[in-house]
Amino acid sequence: MTDVTSIGDGSSRLPRRPVTEFRIYYAIIFILALPTTALLGWLRSVVMRDGAGIRRGIIDRARNDAATIAPLVFSA
């Protein structure tokens, strides 16, 4: 005979993280990353004549920084 008590009704999902809060953190970090790390990194690529770094662009750098840092801040 099958024990159906351990299977459950399928409603035992993990709780969802608040998406709005994550987006707020992401936006704040993105805005802060634009003038600091992204712009300075792009200028460094221009001075050092790093072609791949120049093509990457300031927005892409800031987006990458925000995508890396926001989950770390949100999970803490």
N, C-alpha and C. Protein backbone atom coordinates (compact mmCIF):
# COMPACT_ATOMS: atom_id res chain seq x y z
N MET A 1 0.84 -1.18 0.00
CA MET A 1 0.00 0.00 0.00
C MET A 1 0.89 1.24 0.00
N THR A 2 0.51 2.27 -0.70
CA THR A 2 1.27 3.50 -0.83
C THR A 2 0.97 4.44 0.33
N ASP A 3 2.03 5.05 0.86
CA ASP A 3 1.87 6.02 1.94
C ASP A 3 1.72 7.40 1.33
N VAL A 4 0.50 7.95 1.31
CA VAL A 4 0.24 9.23 0.68
C VAL A 4 0.40 10.40 1.65
N THR A 5 0.66 10.14 2.91
CA THR A 5 0.79 11.23 3.88
C THR A 5 2.07 12.00 3.70
N SER A 6 3.11 11.39 3.14
CA SER A 6 4.37 12.09 2.97
C SER A 6 4.43 12.89 1.67
N ILE A 7 3.52 12.65 0.75
CA ILE A 7 3.54 13.34 -0.53
C ILE A 7 3.02 14.77 -0.37
N GLY A 8 1.97 14.98 0.35
CA GLY A 8 1.44 16.33 0.56
C GLY A 8 0.53 16.74 -0.58
N ASP A 9 0.05 17.95 -0.49
CA ASP A 9 -0.90 18.44 -1.50
C ASP A 9 -0.25 19.32 -2.55
N GLY A 10 1.06 19.44 -2.53
CA GLY A 10 1.76 20.24 -3.54
C GLY A 10 1.85 21.71 -3.21
N SER A 11 1.35 22.10 -2.06
CA SER A 11 1.38 23.53 -1.72
C SER A 11 2.56 23.88 -0.82
N SER A 12 3.50 23.00 -0.68
CA SER A 12 4.65 23.27 0.19
C SER A 12 5.80 23.86 -0.62
N ARG A 13 5.57 25.02 -1.18
CA ARG A 13 6.60 25.71 -1.96
C ARG A 13 7.44 26.57 -1.03
N LEU A 14 8.61 26.91 -1.52
CA LEU A 14 9.46 27.81 -0.77
C LEU A 14 8.86 29.21 -0.82
N PRO A 15 9.02 29.99 0.24
CA PRO A 15 8.48 31.36 0.20
C PRO A 15 9.20 32.21 -0.83
N ARG A 16 8.45 33.06 -1.53
CA ARG A 16 9.04 33.92 -2.57
C ARG A 16 9.69 35.13 -1.95
N ARG A 17 10.76 35.55 -2.54
CA ARG A 17 11.42 36.78 -2.11
C ARG A 17 10.66 37.97 -2.66
N PRO A 18 10.64 39.05 -1.93
CA PRO A 18 9.96 40.24 -2.44
C PRO A 18 10.70 40.82 -3.65
N VAL A 19 10.07 40.81 -4.79
CA VAL A 19 10.69 41.25 -6.04
C VAL A 19 10.89 42.77 -6.03
N THR A 20 9.94 43.49 -5.47
CA THR A 20 10.02 44.95 -5.47
C THR A 20 11.25 45.43 -4.69
N GLU A 21 11.49 44.81 -3.55
CA GLU A 21 12.64 45.20 -2.74
C GLU A 21 13.95 44.94 -3.49
N PHE A 22 14.02 43.80 -4.17
CA PHE A 22 15.22 43.48 -4.95
C PHE A 22 15.43 44.51 -6.05
N ARG A 23 14.37 44.91 -6.73
CA ARG A 23 14.49 45.90 -7.81
C ARG A 23 14.93 47.26 -7.29
N ILE A 24 14.49 47.61 -6.09
CA ILE A 24 14.92 48.87 -5.49
C ILE A 24 16.42 48.83 -5.20
N TYR A 25 16.88 47.72 -4.59
CA TYR A 25 18.32 47.57 -4.33
C TYR A 25 19.11 47.62 -5.64
N TYR A 26 18.61 46.92 -6.65
CA TYR A 26 19.29 46.87 -7.95
C TYR A 26 19.40 48.27 -8.55
N ALA A 27 18.31 49.04 -8.49
CA ALA A 27 18.31 50.38 -9.06
C ALA A 27 19.27 51.31 -8.33
N ILE A 28 19.30 51.22 -7.01
CA ILE A 28 20.22 52.06 -6.23
C ILE A 28 21.67 51.72 -6.56
N ILE A 29 21.99 50.46 -6.61
CA ILE A 29 23.36 50.04 -6.91
C ILE A 29 23.72 50.41 -8.34
N PHE A 30 22.78 50.26 -9.27
CA PHE A 30 23.03 50.64 -10.66
C PHE A 30 23.34 52.13 -10.77
N ILE A 31 22.56 52.96 -10.08
CA ILE A 31 22.76 54.41 -10.14
C ILE A 31 24.11 54.78 -9.52
N LEU A 32 24.47 54.13 -8.43
CA LEU A 32 25.76 54.42 -7.79
C LEU A 32 26.94 53.89 -8.61
N ALA A 33 26.72 52.82 -9.34
CA ALA A 33 27.81 52.22 -10.12
C ALA A 33 28.11 53.00 -11.40
N LEU A 34 27.14 53.76 -11.90
CA LEU A 34 27.37 54.50 -13.15
C LEU A 34 28.55 55.47 -13.04
N PRO A 35 28.53 56.41 -12.09
CA PRO A 35 29.64 57.37 -12.07
C PRO A 35 30.92 56.82 -11.46
N THR A 36 30.82 55.81 -10.66
CA THR A 36 32.03 55.34 -9.96
C THR A 36 32.74 54.25 -10.74
N THR A 37 32.36 53.03 -10.51
CA THR A 37 33.12 51.91 -11.08
C THR A 37 33.00 51.83 -12.59
N ALA A 38 31.81 52.07 -13.14
CA ALA A 38 31.64 51.91 -14.58
C ALA A 38 32.39 52.97 -15.36
N LEU A 39 32.21 54.22 -14.99
CA LEU A 39 32.87 55.30 -15.72
C LEU A 39 34.38 55.24 -15.55
N LEU A 40 34.83 55.01 -14.33
CA LEU A 40 36.27 54.93 -14.09
C LEU A 40 36.89 53.73 -14.80
N GLY A 41 36.18 52.60 -14.80
CA GLY A 41 36.68 51.42 -15.51
C GLY A 41 36.74 51.63 -17.01
N TRP A 42 35.73 52.32 -17.55
CA TRP A 42 35.73 52.60 -18.98
C TRP A 42 36.86 53.57 -19.34
N LEU A 43 37.06 54.60 -18.53
CA LEU A 43 38.16 55.54 -18.79
C LEU A 43 39.51 54.84 -18.70
N ARG A 44 39.64 53.91 -17.76
CA ARG A 44 40.88 53.14 -17.65
C ARG A 44 41.11 52.32 -18.92
N SER A 45 40.03 51.73 -19.45
CA SER A 45 40.16 50.97 -20.70
C SER A 45 40.58 51.85 -21.86
N VAL A 46 40.08 53.08 -21.90
CA VAL A 46 40.46 54.01 -22.96
C VAL A 46 41.94 54.36 -22.85
N VAL A 47 42.38 54.68 -21.64
CA VAL A 47 43.78 55.06 -21.43
C VAL A 47 44.71 53.89 -21.73
N MET A 48 44.32 52.70 -21.31
CA MET A 48 45.16 51.52 -21.53
C MET A 48 44.98 50.93 -22.94
N ARG A 49 44.08 51.49 -23.71
CA ARG A 49 43.78 51.05 -25.07
C ARG A 49 43.35 49.58 -25.12
N ASP A 50 42.46 49.24 -24.18
CA ASP A 50 41.89 47.89 -24.11
C ASP A 50 40.63 47.88 -24.97
N GLY A 51 40.70 47.30 -26.14
CA GLY A 51 39.59 47.32 -27.08
C GLY A 51 38.33 46.65 -26.56
N ALA A 52 38.48 45.52 -25.89
CA ALA A 52 37.30 44.81 -25.37
C ALA A 52 36.64 45.63 -24.27
N GLY A 53 37.41 46.28 -23.44
CA GLY A 53 36.86 47.10 -22.37
C GLY A 53 36.16 48.34 -22.88
N ILE A 54 36.65 48.90 -23.97
CA ILE A 54 36.02 50.09 -24.56
C ILE A 54 34.69 49.72 -25.18
N ARG A 55 34.63 48.61 -25.89
CA ARG A 55 33.39 48.19 -26.54
C ARG A 55 32.31 47.80 -25.54
N ARG A 56 32.73 47.40 -24.35
CA ARG A 56 31.77 46.95 -23.34
C ARG A 56 30.85 48.08 -22.90
N GLY A 57 31.35 49.27 -22.74
CA GLY A 57 30.52 50.43 -22.45
C GLY A 57 30.22 50.64 -20.98
N ILE A 58 29.81 51.86 -20.68
CA ILE A 58 29.57 52.26 -19.29
C ILE A 58 28.30 51.61 -18.75
N ILE A 59 27.24 51.58 -19.53
CA ILE A 59 25.97 51.02 -19.06
C ILE A 59 26.11 49.53 -18.79
N ASP A 60 26.79 48.81 -19.67
CA ASP A 60 27.00 47.38 -19.46
C ASP A 60 27.80 47.10 -18.20
N ARG A 61 28.80 47.91 -17.94
CA ARG A 61 29.59 47.75 -16.73
C ARG A 61 28.75 47.99 -15.48
N ALA A 62 27.94 49.04 -15.48
CA ALA A 62 27.10 49.34 -14.32
C ALA A 62 26.04 48.26 -14.12
N ARG A 63 25.47 47.78 -15.22
CA ARG A 63 24.47 46.70 -15.13
C ARG A 63 25.10 45.43 -14.56
N ASN A 64 26.31 45.11 -14.99
CA ASN A 64 27.01 43.94 -14.48
C ASN A 64 27.32 44.09 -12.99
N ASP A 65 27.78 45.28 -12.59
CA ASP A 65 28.06 45.51 -11.16
C ASP A 65 26.80 45.37 -10.33
N ALA A 66 25.71 45.94 -10.79
CA ALA A 66 24.44 45.85 -10.04
C ALA A 66 23.94 44.42 -9.97
N ALA A 67 24.07 43.67 -11.07
CA ALA A 67 23.62 42.28 -11.08
C ALA A 67 24.48 41.40 -10.18
N THR A 68 25.72 41.79 -9.94
CA THR A 68 26.59 41.03 -9.07
C THR A 68 26.38 41.38 -7.60
N ILE A 69 26.20 42.66 -7.30
CA ILE A 69 26.16 43.13 -5.93
C ILE A 69 24.76 43.02 -5.32
N ALA A 70 23.71 43.28 -6.08
CA ALA A 70 22.35 43.29 -5.53
C ALA A 70 21.95 41.97 -4.87
N PRO A 71 22.22 40.83 -5.47
CA PRO A 71 21.86 39.58 -4.78
C PRO A 71 22.62 39.39 -3.47
N LEU A 72 23.86 39.87 -3.43
CA LEU A 72 24.62 39.74 -2.19
C LEU A 72 24.02 40.60 -1.08
N VAL A 73 23.63 41.81 -1.40
CA VAL A 73 23.03 42.71 -0.41
C VAL A 73 21.66 42.19 -0.01
N PHE A 74 20.90 41.70 -0.97
CA PHE A 74 19.54 41.25 -0.70
C PHE A 74 19.52 39.98 0.15
N SER A 75 20.50 39.12 -0.01
CA SER A 75 20.51 37.86 0.75
C SER A 75 21.04 38.04 2.17
N ALA A 76 21.69 39.16 2.44
CA ALA A 76 22.26 39.37 3.78
C ALA A 76 21.22 39.71 4.80
